């Protein structure tokens, strides 16, 4: 059995070291939503569903492509699109989903072709190979394909692997043009099925895809699975052309341009992924590689540093150090951090050895090269370096001469592969550990911190993740005004006006605050209720006279001839 994610977990000490910074900076948690009640109460083996949110485990989900029962081969991409949307939404709901690459690994491991649609028995074998707790499988049909009124009908089932229990079918349907709505609605139903405590509203899921149009979505899905690089580039360029702010398509296009050695184009494309987007870390990693490959080392170091500031995985910090060393800077502290985090990688020891030579530290360099060769004995460059270090007999007097003889020039080694599984697993484990830490706090403090996390998600446009945090805050303390104000903002963004207004009013009754007043002010302005909006803005400014959002609202009202009372 292959536990795809846990095989790449970094040492627990490394994750513990990172935990303090992540708890202190909520924005950095945007990569993986929390499971806040995971450690609040341990569960005995009482037969409860593995999906119970109060358990730290049992949340690894495999979503398979949906079967195409429309009879239209050109709609095969629709079936491939379901794992993409469901993975996104389930990740935002606190589950750990298995990526397309890992799913393909399992298929290869079982000797199955890429386009194979597994039976129930084979599905179970794939799930067991990946050690998944749940499998989501389904099918779709299209009524009147090719006509303006074509309609899609979908059904999905959730398999609990350990219980060998299959759910009743979960169904949805809509116009084919509203495919994203169907997939988001289905994702919400799946999340509810796997987690009885799931509290995020369906409307939040429906609003999560933003302004991506169906044509862009189709080109993105087709572009990520096309058989040739030419077609992949063409499809992804079309997706970006139609929806210029489509972050997933920008990332995929940038990576494809990088793979095609179009380094300038790749860096330019990847730079368009907003720094607050959940995909910004992977985008900046490949942007750093693109810059590195054309010797733009300072820009590469900046890109790697951006990634490392949120989640300093060893491979990221290593590349940050390599980019720094290529500029003639001392990267020894970075390489020491990398070796401490992952002492079982030969290249990391080799890089530290090269860095220590810059300090004429023969003993330290020798120790690190020997460690590298213990891990990888067939490394000719490391073998040569060790021989030359031994030839110095510990003396620095002729160190440079011995090292550089015959053109020998050991250089630090960069990593060129972003490990999504490693990244997501580390983030998931950090989240589990943060839940453990926060569970020890008094309920009021828990609510305060989860509300802050929710605000951080909202600031980055991660609305489902934000709602998850606000609900958790209210579970800890139903009287937390900030959490109610946060829910009000979530409802406002998803178009649920009445619920947004009710939550904002509840928040103000508990503790008058700027956020809730501004939600009411925006809703009133939208309804052309200018005096009511002006009154809410005035109340917000009484609390915080310098609040930029409130001052902006004041200006907007004045432009429409409405002054504050």
Protein backbone atom coordinates (compact mmCIF):
# COMPACT_ATOMS: atom_id res chain seq x y z
CA UNK A 1 0.00 0.00 0.00
CA UNK A 2 1.34 3.43 -0.91
CA UNK A 3 0.51 6.30 1.43
CA UNK A 4 1.10 8.93 -1.21
CA UNK A 5 1.19 11.95 1.05
CA UNK A 6 2.68 10.68 4.26
CA UNK A 7 5.71 9.36 2.43
CA UNK A 8 6.84 12.94 1.90
CA UNK A 9 6.14 14.33 5.38
CA UNK A 10 9.04 16.28 6.80
CA UNK A 11 10.27 15.59 10.32
CA UNK A 12 7.80 16.59 13.01
CA UNK A 13 10.41 18.87 14.56
CA UNK A 14 10.51 20.89 11.35
CA UNK A 15 6.73 21.29 11.34
CA UNK A 16 6.73 22.22 15.02
CA UNK A 17 9.30 24.93 14.33
CA UNK A 18 7.07 26.43 11.66
CA UNK A 19 3.91 26.25 13.75
CA UNK A 20 4.56 29.33 15.84
CA UNK A 21 4.95 31.56 12.79
CA UNK A 22 1.88 30.16 11.10
CA UNK A 23 -0.33 30.69 14.16
CA UNK A 24 1.00 34.22 14.50
CA UNK A 25 0.34 35.09 10.85
CA UNK A 26 -3.16 33.98 9.80
CA UNK A 27 -2.64 35.03 6.17
CA UNK A 28 -0.01 32.37 5.76
CA UNK A 29 -2.59 29.70 6.49
CA UNK A 30 -4.46 30.37 3.27
CA UNK A 31 -3.03 27.31 1.61
CA UNK A 32 -5.01 24.84 3.66
CA UNK A 33 -8.16 25.40 5.67
CA UNK A 34 -8.26 24.34 9.29
CA UNK A 35 -9.83 21.43 11.05
CA UNK A 36 -10.37 23.43 14.21
CA UNK A 37 -12.12 20.81 16.27
CA UNK A 38 -9.70 18.05 15.32
CA UNK A 39 -8.09 17.91 18.71
CA UNK A 40 -10.78 19.52 20.81
CA UNK A 41 -12.08 16.14 21.79
CA UNK A 42 -10.52 12.78 21.07
CA UNK A 43 -12.84 10.07 19.86
CA UNK A 44 -12.85 6.49 21.00
CA UNK A 45 -13.39 3.63 18.58
CA UNK A 46 -17.14 3.99 18.83
CA UNK A 47 -17.98 3.37 15.18
CA UNK A 48 -18.34 7.04 14.28
CA UNK A 49 -17.76 8.01 10.67
CA UNK A 50 -14.14 8.68 9.78
CA UNK A 51 -15.33 12.00 8.41
CA UNK A 52 -16.22 13.35 11.84
CA UNK A 53 -14.57 16.76 11.97
CA UNK A 54 -13.54 16.12 15.55
CA UNK A 55 -11.09 13.49 14.37
CA UNK A 56 -7.66 14.59 13.09
CA UNK A 57 -7.53 11.77 10.53
CA UNK A 58 -9.84 10.11 8.08
CA UNK A 59 -10.05 13.00 5.62
CA UNK A 60 -8.04 11.84 2.63
CA UNK A 61 -10.30 11.96 -0.43
CA UNK A 62 -9.93 10.59 -3.95
CA UNK A 63 -12.20 12.12 -6.60
CA UNK A 64 -12.30 10.14 -9.85
CA UNK A 65 -13.24 11.54 -13.27
CA UNK A 66 -16.97 11.17 -13.89
CA UNK A 67 -18.29 8.74 -16.50
CA UNK A 68 -19.58 10.33 -19.69
CA UNK A 69 -22.99 8.81 -20.42
CA UNK A 70 -24.04 11.45 -22.95
CA UNK A 71 -22.89 9.47 -25.96
CA UNK A 72 -20.89 12.54 -27.04
CA UNK A 73 -17.14 11.87 -27.06
CA UNK A 74 -16.39 15.60 -27.36
CA UNK A 75 -17.83 16.07 -23.87
CA UNK A 76 -15.24 13.82 -22.26
CA UNK A 77 -13.55 16.91 -20.84
CA UNK A 78 -16.62 17.49 -18.65
CA UNK A 79 -15.97 14.24 -16.80
CA UNK A 80 -12.34 15.23 -16.31
CA UNK A 81 -13.40 18.58 -14.86
CA UNK A 82 -15.23 17.17 -11.84
CA UNK A 83 -12.10 16.19 -9.86
CA UNK A 84 -10.70 19.67 -10.46
CA UNK A 85 -13.67 21.55 -8.94
CA UNK A 86 -14.44 19.00 -6.25
CA UNK A 87 -10.80 18.90 -5.17
CA UNK A 88 -10.79 22.70 -4.84
CA UNK A 89 -13.98 22.88 -2.82
CA UNK A 90 -13.17 19.90 -0.59
CA UNK A 91 -9.71 21.29 0.13
CA UNK A 92 -11.37 24.53 1.24
CA UNK A 93 -13.55 22.43 3.55
CA UNK A 94 -10.71 20.84 5.51
CA UNK A 95 -10.19 17.67 3.49
CA UNK A 96 -6.92 16.54 1.94
CA UNK A 97 -7.55 15.60 -1.67
CA UNK A 98 -5.43 13.37 -3.87
CA UNK A 99 -4.03 15.15 -6.90
CA UNK A 100 -4.35 14.12 -10.53
CA UNK A 101 -0.68 13.08 -10.60
CA UNK A 102 -1.08 10.86 -7.55
CA UNK A 103 -4.26 9.36 -8.99
CA UNK A 104 -2.35 8.61 -12.19
CA UNK A 105 0.42 7.01 -10.13
CA UNK A 106 -2.10 4.58 -8.66
CA UNK A 107 -3.45 3.74 -12.12
CA UNK A 108 0.08 3.07 -13.39
CA UNK A 109 0.87 1.04 -10.28
CA UNK A 110 -2.11 -1.20 -11.04
CA UNK A 111 -1.24 -1.42 -14.73
CA UNK A 112 -4.27 0.55 -15.88
CA UNK A 113 -4.30 2.91 -18.89
CA UNK A 114 -4.79 6.67 -18.28
CA UNK A 115 -8.30 6.75 -19.79
CA UNK A 116 -9.50 3.65 -17.93
CA UNK A 117 -12.82 4.04 -16.12
CA UNK A 118 -12.65 1.66 -13.16
CA UNK A 119 -15.36 -0.66 -11.92
CA UNK A 120 -16.43 -0.54 -8.28
CA UNK A 121 -13.94 -3.28 -7.42
CA UNK A 122 -11.08 -1.53 -9.23
CA UNK A 123 -12.07 1.77 -7.61
CA UNK A 124 -11.63 0.14 -4.23
CA UNK A 125 -8.19 -1.18 -5.23
CA UNK A 126 -7.12 2.32 -6.34
CA UNK A 127 -8.37 3.82 -3.09
CA UNK A 128 -6.53 1.21 -1.03
CA UNK A 129 -3.36 1.77 -3.05
CA UNK A 130 -3.51 5.48 -2.14
CA UNK A 131 -4.81 4.78 1.37
CA UNK A 132 -7.80 7.07 0.75
CA UNK A 133 -10.56 7.31 3.34
CA UNK A 134 -13.21 8.34 0.84
CA UNK A 135 -13.71 7.97 -2.90
CA UNK A 136 -16.08 10.16 -4.89
CA UNK A 137 -17.26 8.61 -8.14
CA UNK A 138 -20.04 9.66 -10.46
CA UNK A 139 -21.44 10.10 -13.94
CA UNK A 140 -23.13 12.73 -16.05
CA UNK A 141 -25.52 12.90 -18.96
CA UNK A 142 -26.32 15.81 -21.26
CA UNK A 143 -29.84 16.29 -22.57
CA UNK A 144 -30.11 17.85 -26.04
CA UNK A 145 -26.33 18.18 -26.55
CA UNK A 146 -25.31 20.88 -28.99
CA UNK A 147 -28.49 22.90 -28.61
CA UNK A 148 -28.83 26.22 -26.72
CA UNK A 149 -31.07 24.57 -24.13
CA UNK A 150 -28.77 21.59 -23.46
CA UNK A 151 -28.91 20.43 -19.86
CA UNK A 152 -26.53 18.40 -17.71
CA UNK A 153 -27.65 15.84 -15.14
CA UNK A 154 -25.12 14.57 -12.61
CA UNK A 155 -25.05 12.02 -9.87
CA UNK A 156 -22.27 11.07 -7.48
CA UNK A 157 -21.71 8.51 -4.75
CA UNK A 158 -19.32 8.62 -1.81
CA UNK A 159 -17.54 5.42 -0.87
CA UNK A 160 -16.30 5.13 2.72
CA UNK A 161 -13.34 2.85 2.12
CA UNK A 162 -12.87 1.49 5.64
CA UNK A 163 -16.57 0.77 6.08
CA UNK A 164 -17.08 -0.41 2.48
CA UNK A 165 -20.19 1.73 2.55
CA UNK A 166 -21.57 3.55 -0.48
CA UNK A 167 -23.79 6.57 -0.06
CA UNK A 168 -27.12 7.06 -1.74
CA UNK A 169 -26.72 8.97 -5.03
CA UNK A 170 -26.19 12.72 -4.73
CA UNK A 171 -27.80 14.48 -7.68
CA UNK A 172 -27.83 17.86 -9.35
CA UNK A 173 -28.79 19.31 -12.72
CA UNK A 174 -28.83 22.61 -14.56
CA UNK A 175 -28.20 24.17 -17.96
CA UNK A 176 -24.91 22.95 -19.41
CA UNK A 177 -23.78 26.58 -19.54
CA UNK A 178 -23.94 26.53 -15.74
CA UNK A 179 -21.65 23.52 -15.37
CA UNK A 180 -19.58 25.26 -12.70
CA UNK A 181 -22.70 25.81 -10.60
CA UNK A 182 -23.55 22.12 -10.89
CA UNK A 183 -20.06 21.06 -9.85
CA UNK A 184 -19.92 23.50 -6.93
CA UNK A 185 -23.36 22.40 -5.71
CA UNK A 186 -22.34 18.76 -5.97
CA UNK A 187 -19.12 19.47 -4.07
CA UNK A 188 -21.19 21.01 -1.27
CA UNK A 189 -23.39 17.90 -1.08
CA UNK A 190 -20.33 15.64 -1.02
CA UNK A 191 -18.74 17.68 1.79
CA UNK A 192 -21.94 17.43 3.81
CA UNK A 193 -22.09 13.70 3.23
CA UNK A 194 -18.53 13.14 4.41
CA UNK A 195 -18.71 15.61 7.30
CA UNK A 196 -22.02 15.81 9.19
CA UNK A 197 -20.74 18.91 10.99
CA UNK A 198 -20.02 20.82 7.80
CA UNK A 199 -21.50 24.32 8.17
CA UNK A 200 -20.44 26.31 5.09
CA UNK A 201 -23.47 27.48 3.08
CA UNK A 202 -24.18 26.12 -0.39
CA UNK A 203 -24.36 29.66 -1.74
CA UNK A 204 -20.76 30.21 -0.67
CA UNK A 205 -19.68 27.24 -2.79
CA UNK A 206 -21.75 28.46 -5.73
CA UNK A 207 -19.97 31.82 -5.62
CA UNK A 208 -16.50 30.35 -5.23
CA UNK A 209 -15.58 30.00 -8.91
CA UNK A 210 -15.68 33.75 -9.49
CA UNK A 211 -15.88 35.08 -13.03
CA UNK A 212 -14.47 32.13 -14.96
CA UNK A 213 -16.57 31.54 -18.07
CA UNK A 214 -17.36 28.08 -19.38
CA UNK A 215 -15.20 28.40 -22.50
CA UNK A 216 -12.14 29.31 -20.43
CA UNK A 217 -12.85 26.46 -18.06
CA UNK A 218 -13.12 24.01 -20.96
CA UNK A 219 -9.84 25.23 -22.46
CA UNK A 220 -8.15 24.94 -19.08
CA UNK A 221 -9.33 21.36 -18.51
CA UNK A 222 -8.46 20.33 -22.07
CA UNK A 223 -5.16 22.19 -21.88
CA UNK A 224 -3.97 20.41 -18.75
CA UNK A 225 -4.58 16.96 -20.26
CA UNK A 226 -3.83 17.46 -23.98
CA UNK A 227 -1.40 14.88 -25.41
CA UNK A 228 0.99 17.34 -27.09
CA UNK A 229 2.78 20.40 -25.78
CA UNK A 230 1.62 22.47 -28.75
CA UNK A 231 -2.03 21.76 -27.99
CA UNK A 232 -1.52 22.33 -24.27
CA UNK A 233 0.01 25.75 -24.91
CA UNK A 234 -2.70 26.69 -27.40
CA UNK A 235 -5.55 25.68 -25.09
CA UNK A 236 -4.10 27.36 -22.02
CA UNK A 237 -3.34 30.56 -23.92
CA UNK A 238 -6.97 30.62 -25.05
CA UNK A 239 -8.17 30.15 -21.47
CA UNK A 240 -6.05 33.08 -20.28
CA UNK A 241 -7.03 35.22 -23.24
CA UNK A 242 -10.72 34.75 -22.46
CA UNK A 243 -10.30 35.20 -18.68
CA UNK A 244 -7.09 37.17 -18.03
CA UNK A 245 -7.30 36.83 -14.24
CA UNK A 246 -7.84 33.04 -14.27
CA UNK A 247 -5.12 32.12 -11.78
CA UNK A 248 -5.22 28.36 -12.35
CA UNK A 249 -4.89 28.81 -16.12
CA UNK A 250 -2.06 31.32 -15.64
CA UNK A 251 -0.20 28.85 -13.45
CA UNK A 252 -0.73 25.98 -15.87
CA UNK A 253 0.33 28.11 -18.84
CA UNK A 254 3.41 29.39 -17.03
CA UNK A 255 4.47 25.86 -16.10
CA UNK A 256 3.93 24.69 -19.68
CA UNK A 257 5.99 27.60 -21.01
CA UNK A 258 8.70 26.71 -18.49
CA UNK A 259 8.65 23.08 -19.65
CA UNK A 260 9.04 24.37 -23.22
CA UNK A 261 12.12 26.37 -22.15
CA UNK A 262 10.26 29.64 -22.80
CA UNK A 263 11.69 31.11 -19.62
CA UNK A 264 10.99 34.80 -20.22
CA UNK A 265 7.40 34.09 -21.21
CA UNK A 266 6.95 31.74 -18.26
CA UNK A 267 8.20 34.31 -15.76
CA UNK A 268 5.93 36.99 -17.24
CA UNK A 269 2.88 34.70 -17.13
CA UNK A 270 3.51 33.47 -13.61
CA UNK A 271 3.99 37.03 -12.36
CA UNK A 272 0.32 37.66 -13.21
CA UNK A 273 -0.88 35.26 -10.50
CA UNK A 274 -1.88 37.62 -7.64
CA UNK A 275 0.35 37.27 -4.57
CA UNK A 276 -2.74 36.73 -2.40
CA UNK A 277 -4.01 33.81 -4.48
CA UNK A 278 -3.68 30.29 -3.08
CA UNK A 279 -1.67 29.36 -6.20
CA UNK A 280 0.87 32.15 -5.75
CA UNK A 281 3.39 29.95 -3.94
CA UNK A 282 3.65 27.39 -6.72
CA UNK A 283 3.60 30.17 -9.33
CA UNK A 284 6.50 31.95 -7.66
CA UNK A 285 8.47 28.74 -7.30
CA UNK A 286 8.38 28.15 -11.05
CA UNK A 287 8.90 31.84 -11.67
CA UNK A 288 12.07 31.57 -9.59
CA UNK A 289 13.22 28.61 -11.65
CA UNK A 290 12.50 30.47 -14.89
CA UNK A 291 14.56 33.44 -13.72
CA UNK A 292 17.33 31.16 -12.47
CA UNK A 293 17.59 29.45 -15.85
CA UNK A 294 18.40 32.74 -17.56
CA UNK A 295 20.85 33.78 -14.82
CA UNK A 296 18.52 36.38 -13.28
CA UNK A 297 19.62 35.22 -9.86
CA UNK A 298 18.44 38.21 -7.82
CA UNK A 299 14.90 37.91 -9.22
CA UNK A 300 15.01 34.16 -8.67
CA UNK A 301 16.03 34.64 -5.04
CA UNK A 302 13.16 37.09 -4.53
CA UNK A 303 10.64 34.62 -5.94
CA UNK A 304 11.95 31.74 -3.81
CA UNK A 305 11.98 33.99 -0.75
CA UNK A 306 8.31 34.80 -1.31
CA UNK A 307 7.48 31.09 -1.20
CA UNK A 308 9.73 30.36 1.77
CA UNK A 309 8.21 33.20 3.81
CA UNK A 310 4.89 31.32 3.89
CA UNK A 311 6.01 27.70 3.95
CA UNK A 312 9.77 27.11 4.04
CA UNK A 313 9.94 23.58 2.72
CA UNK A 314 13.52 22.34 2.38
CA UNK A 315 13.49 22.35 -1.43
CA UNK A 316 12.31 25.95 -1.49
CA UNK A 317 14.86 27.21 1.02
CA UNK A 318 17.54 25.24 -0.81
CA UNK A 319 16.76 27.02 -4.06
CA UNK A 320 16.68 30.35 -2.25
CA UNK A 321 20.16 29.57 -0.99
CA UNK A 322 21.42 28.48 -4.41
CA UNK A 323 20.14 31.70 -6.01
CA UNK A 324 21.86 33.70 -3.28
CA UNK A 325 25.14 31.80 -3.67
CA UNK A 326 25.16 32.43 -7.43
CA UNK A 327 25.20 36.14 -6.59
CA UNK A 328 28.29 35.64 -4.43
CA UNK A 329 26.31 35.90 -1.20
CA UNK A 330 26.82 33.70 1.84
CA UNK A 331 23.97 31.17 1.88
CA UNK A 332 25.38 29.04 4.70
CA UNK A 333 22.54 29.78 7.16
CA UNK A 334 19.94 28.80 4.55
CA UNK A 335 21.69 25.52 3.75
CA UNK A 336 22.07 24.76 7.45
CA UNK A 337 18.32 25.27 7.83
CA UNK A 338 17.69 22.90 4.93
CA UNK A 339 19.94 20.13 6.29
CA UNK A 340 18.32 20.43 9.72
CA UNK A 341 14.88 20.07 8.14
CA UNK A 342 15.79 17.16 5.86
CA UNK A 343 19.08 15.44 6.79
CA UNK A 344 18.45 12.53 4.41
CA UNK A 345 19.10 14.36 1.16
CA UNK A 346 22.60 14.10 -0.28
CA UNK A 347 22.40 17.28 -2.35
CA UNK A 348 21.51 19.37 0.68
CA UNK A 349 24.64 18.19 2.49
CA UNK A 350 26.70 18.85 -0.64
CA UNK A 351 25.38 22.41 -0.90
CA UNK A 352 26.20 23.09 2.73
CA UNK A 353 29.71 21.73 2.16
CA UNK A 354 30.24 24.14 -0.74
CA UNK A 355 28.93 27.02 1.35
CA UNK A 356 31.24 26.13 4.25
CA UNK A 357 34.21 26.23 1.88
CA UNK A 358 33.48 29.91 1.48
CA UNK A 359 34.39 30.22 5.15
CA UNK A 360 37.48 28.01 4.67
CA UNK A 361 35.83 25.55 7.05
CA UNK A 362 37.58 22.38 5.90
CA UNK A 363 36.38 20.23 8.78
CA UNK A 364 32.77 21.28 8.35
CA UNK A 365 32.88 20.85 4.58
CA UNK A 366 34.47 17.41 4.95
CA UNK A 367 31.80 16.35 7.40
CA UNK A 368 29.00 17.41 5.04
CA UNK A 369 30.55 15.79 1.95
CA UNK A 370 30.98 12.54 3.86
CA UNK A 371 27.32 12.76 4.87
CA UNK A 372 26.37 13.30 1.23
CA UNK A 373 28.39 10.25 0.11
CA UNK A 374 26.89 8.10 2.86
CA UNK A 375 23.51 8.87 1.31
CA UNK A 376 24.64 8.73 -2.33
CA UNK A 377 27.93 6.91 -2.77
CA UNK A 378 27.93 7.18 -6.59
CA UNK A 379 28.27 10.97 -6.70
CA UNK A 380 31.48 11.68 -8.70
CA UNK A 381 31.55 15.40 -7.88
CA UNK A 382 31.19 14.75 -4.15
CA UNK A 383 33.81 12.01 -4.33
CA UNK A 384 36.24 14.37 -6.05
CA UNK A 385 35.54 17.14 -3.56
CA UNK A 386 36.20 14.83 -0.61
CA UNK A 387 39.50 13.70 -2.12
CA UNK A 388 40.64 17.30 -2.57
CA UNK A 389 39.59 18.25 0.96
CA UNK A 390 41.59 15.31 2.32
CA UNK A 391 44.56 16.46 0.25
CA UNK A 392 44.64 19.71 2.21
CA UNK A 393 45.40 17.76 5.42
CA UNK A 394 43.26 20.33 7.24
CA UNK A 395 45.42 23.29 6.18
CA UNK A 396 43.81 26.35 4.59
CA UNK A 397 47.12 27.58 3.20
CA UNK A 398 46.72 25.85 -0.16
CA UNK A 399 42.96 25.27 -0.03
CA UNK A 400 42.02 27.35 -3.09
CA UNK A 401 44.81 25.91 -5.20
CA UNK A 402 43.89 22.31 -4.43
CA UNK A 403 40.17 22.89 -4.94
CA UNK A 404 40.45 24.71 -8.26
CA UNK A 405 43.17 22.58 -9.88
CA UNK A 406 42.33 21.26 -13.33
CA UNK A 407 39.22 23.44 -13.53
CA UNK A 408 37.35 21.73 -10.72
CA UNK A 409 34.56 24.06 -9.54
CA UNK A 410 31.92 22.53 -7.24
CA UNK A 411 28.70 24.55 -7.32
CA UNK A 412 25.50 24.40 -5.33
CA UNK A 413 22.67 22.31 -6.73
CA UNK A 414 19.17 23.58 -7.35
CA UNK A 415 15.93 21.62 -7.14
CA UNK A 416 13.70 21.99 -10.18
CA UNK A 417 10.54 20.18 -9.14
CA UNK A 418 7.74 21.57 -7.03
CA UNK A 419 6.38 18.76 -4.86
CA UNK A 420 2.69 19.55 -4.54
CA UNK A 421 2.09 16.49 -2.38
CA UNK A 422 4.90 17.48 -0.05
CA UNK A 423 3.64 21.04 0.14
CA UNK A 424 0.02 20.14 0.78
CA UNK A 425 0.90 17.45 3.29
CA UNK A 426 3.14 19.81 5.24
CA UNK A 427 0.45 22.48 5.25
CA UNK A 428 -2.15 19.93 6.32
CA UNK A 429 0.02 18.67 9.16
CA UNK A 430 0.72 22.23 10.29
CA UNK A 431 -2.99 22.84 10.36
CA UNK A 432 -3.55 19.77 12.51
CA UNK A 433 -0.89 20.94 14.92
CA UNK A 434 -2.35 24.43 15.04
CA UNK A 435 -5.73 22.90 15.89
CA UNK A 436 -4.11 21.02 18.77
CA UNK A 437 -2.55 24.18 20.09
CA UNK A 438 -5.67 26.29 19.78
CA UNK A 439 -7.83 23.62 21.44
CA UNK A 440 -5.96 24.33 24.68
CA UNK A 441 -7.12 27.96 24.73
CA UNK A 442 -10.25 29.21 26.54
CA UNK A 443 -13.31 29.32 24.24
CA UNK A 444 -13.25 33.10 23.98
CA UNK A 445 -9.61 33.05 22.85
CA UNK A 446 -10.29 30.26 20.39
CA UNK A 447 -13.12 32.29 18.87
CA UNK A 448 -10.92 35.36 18.67
CA UNK A 449 -8.13 33.56 16.83
CA UNK A 450 -10.41 31.70 14.43
CA UNK A 451 -12.18 34.95 13.60
CA UNK A 452 -8.77 36.47 12.81
CA UNK A 453 -7.99 33.50 10.58
CA UNK A 454 -11.28 34.02 8.80
CA UNK A 455 -10.41 37.67 8.22
CA UNK A 456 -7.09 36.55 6.72
CA UNK A 457 -8.84 34.21 4.30
CA UNK A 458 -11.34 36.89 3.31
CA UNK A 459 -8.52 39.32 2.57
CA UNK A 460 -7.20 36.80 0.06
CA UNK A 461 -10.57 36.08 -1.51
CA UNK A 462 -10.84 32.58 -0.01
CA UNK A 463 -14.49 32.84 0.93
CA UNK A 464 -15.35 29.16 1.72
CA UNK A 465 -12.24 28.88 3.88
CA UNK A 466 -13.18 32.10 5.67
CA UNK A 467 -16.70 30.89 6.41
CA UNK A 468 -15.28 27.67 7.85
CA UNK A 469 -13.20 29.68 10.31
CA UNK A 470 -16.04 31.99 11.31
CA UNK A 471 -18.36 29.06 12.02
CA UNK A 472 -15.66 27.46 14.14
CA UNK A 473 -15.26 30.71 16.08
CA UNK A 474 -19.00 30.77 16.75
CA UNK A 475 -18.93 27.14 17.85
CA UNK A 476 -16.41 28.15 20.49
CA UNK A 477 -18.18 31.40 21.44
CA UNK A 478 -21.60 32.20 19.90
CA UNK A 479 -21.29 35.77 21.14
CA UNK A 480 -18.17 36.62 19.19
CA UNK A 481 -19.09 39.80 17.31
CA UNK A 482 -16.16 39.57 14.88
CA UNK A 483 -17.24 36.12 13.71
CA UNK A 484 -20.80 37.30 13.08
CA UNK A 485 -19.39 40.28 11.15
CA UNK A 486 -17.27 37.84 9.16
CA UNK A 487 -20.26 35.68 8.28
CA UNK A 488 -22.05 38.89 7.23
CA UNK A 489 -19.23 39.65 4.78
CA UNK A 490 -19.33 36.09 3.43
CA UNK A 491 -23.09 36.30 2.88
CA UNK A 492 -22.65 39.70 1.23
CA UNK A 493 -20.10 38.29 -1.22
CA UNK A 494 -22.29 35.33 -2.12
CA UNK A 495 -25.32 37.55 -2.75
CA UNK A 496 -27.38 36.47 0.29
CA UNK A 497 -28.44 40.02 1.18
CA UNK A 498 -31.01 39.27 3.89
CA UNK A 499 -28.70 36.87 5.73
CA UNK A 500 -25.80 39.33 5.46
CA UNK A 501 -27.91 42.09 6.97
CA UNK A 502 -29.13 39.85 9.80
CA UNK A 503 -25.58 38.73 10.71
CA UNK A 504 -24.30 42.32 10.65
CA UNK A 505 -27.11 43.46 12.93
CA UNK A 506 -26.41 40.58 15.32
CA UNK A 507 -22.73 41.54 15.38
CA UNK A 508 -23.50 45.17 16.20
CA UNK A 509 -25.83 44.16 19.03
CA UNK A 510 -23.02 42.12 20.57
CA UNK A 511 -20.35 44.81 20.08
CA UNK A 512 -20.58 47.75 17.65
CA UNK A 513 -17.80 47.38 15.06
CA UNK A 514 -16.68 48.94 11.80
CA UNK A 515 -16.90 45.76 9.73
CA UNK A 516 -20.57 45.13 10.47
CA UNK A 517 -21.56 48.77 9.99
CA UNK A 518 -19.85 48.83 6.59
CA UNK A 519 -21.66 45.66 5.48
CA UNK A 520 -24.95 47.41 6.30
CA UNK A 521 -23.76 50.57 4.57
CA UNK A 522 -22.87 48.73 1.36
CA UNK A 523 -26.15 46.82 1.34
CA UNK A 524 -28.11 50.04 1.85
CA UNK A 525 -26.14 51.79 -0.90
CA UNK A 526 -26.79 48.89 -3.24
CA UNK A 527 -30.52 49.26 -2.52
CA UNK A 528 -30.24 53.03 -3.12
CA UNK A 529 -31.09 53.72 0.52
CA UNK A 530 -28.66 56.63 0.78
CA UNK A 531 -29.66 58.09 4.19
CA UNK A 532 -29.46 54.64 5.83
CA UNK A 533 -26.08 54.00 4.22
CA UNK A 534 -24.79 57.40 5.37
CA UNK A 535 -25.92 56.68 8.92
CA UNK A 536 -24.07 53.35 8.99
CA UNK A 537 -20.90 54.97 7.60
CA UNK A 538 -21.12 57.68 10.26
CA UNK A 539 -21.36 55.02 12.97
CA UNK A 540 -18.32 53.25 11.55
CA UNK A 541 -16.30 56.47 11.54
CA UNK A 542 -17.23 57.15 15.16
CA UNK A 543 -15.46 53.91 16.02
CA UNK A 544 -12.50 54.46 13.68
CA UNK A 545 -12.28 57.97 12.18
CA UNK A 546 -9.34 56.94 9.95
CA UNK A 547 -10.81 53.77 8.51
CA UNK A 548 -10.02 53.88 4.79
CA UNK A 549 -13.01 51.78 3.71
CA UNK A 550 -15.41 53.98 5.66
CA UNK A 551 -13.81 57.13 4.27
CA UNK A 552 -14.16 55.67 0.78
CA UNK A 553 -17.83 55.04 1.40
CA UNK A 554 -18.22 58.62 2.63
CA UNK A 555 -16.72 59.91 -0.62
CA UNK A 556 -18.96 57.63 -2.70
CA UNK A 557 -22.05 58.89 -0.88
CA UNK A 558 -21.01 62.52 -1.31
CA UNK A 559 -20.64 61.92 -5.05
CA UNK A 560 -24.30 60.93 -5.06
CA UNK A 561 -25.32 64.00 -3.09
CA UNK A 562 -25.65 62.30 0.30
CA UNK A 563 -23.71 63.74 3.25
CA UNK A 564 -23.20 62.02 6.56
CA UNK A 565 -25.46 63.06 9.46
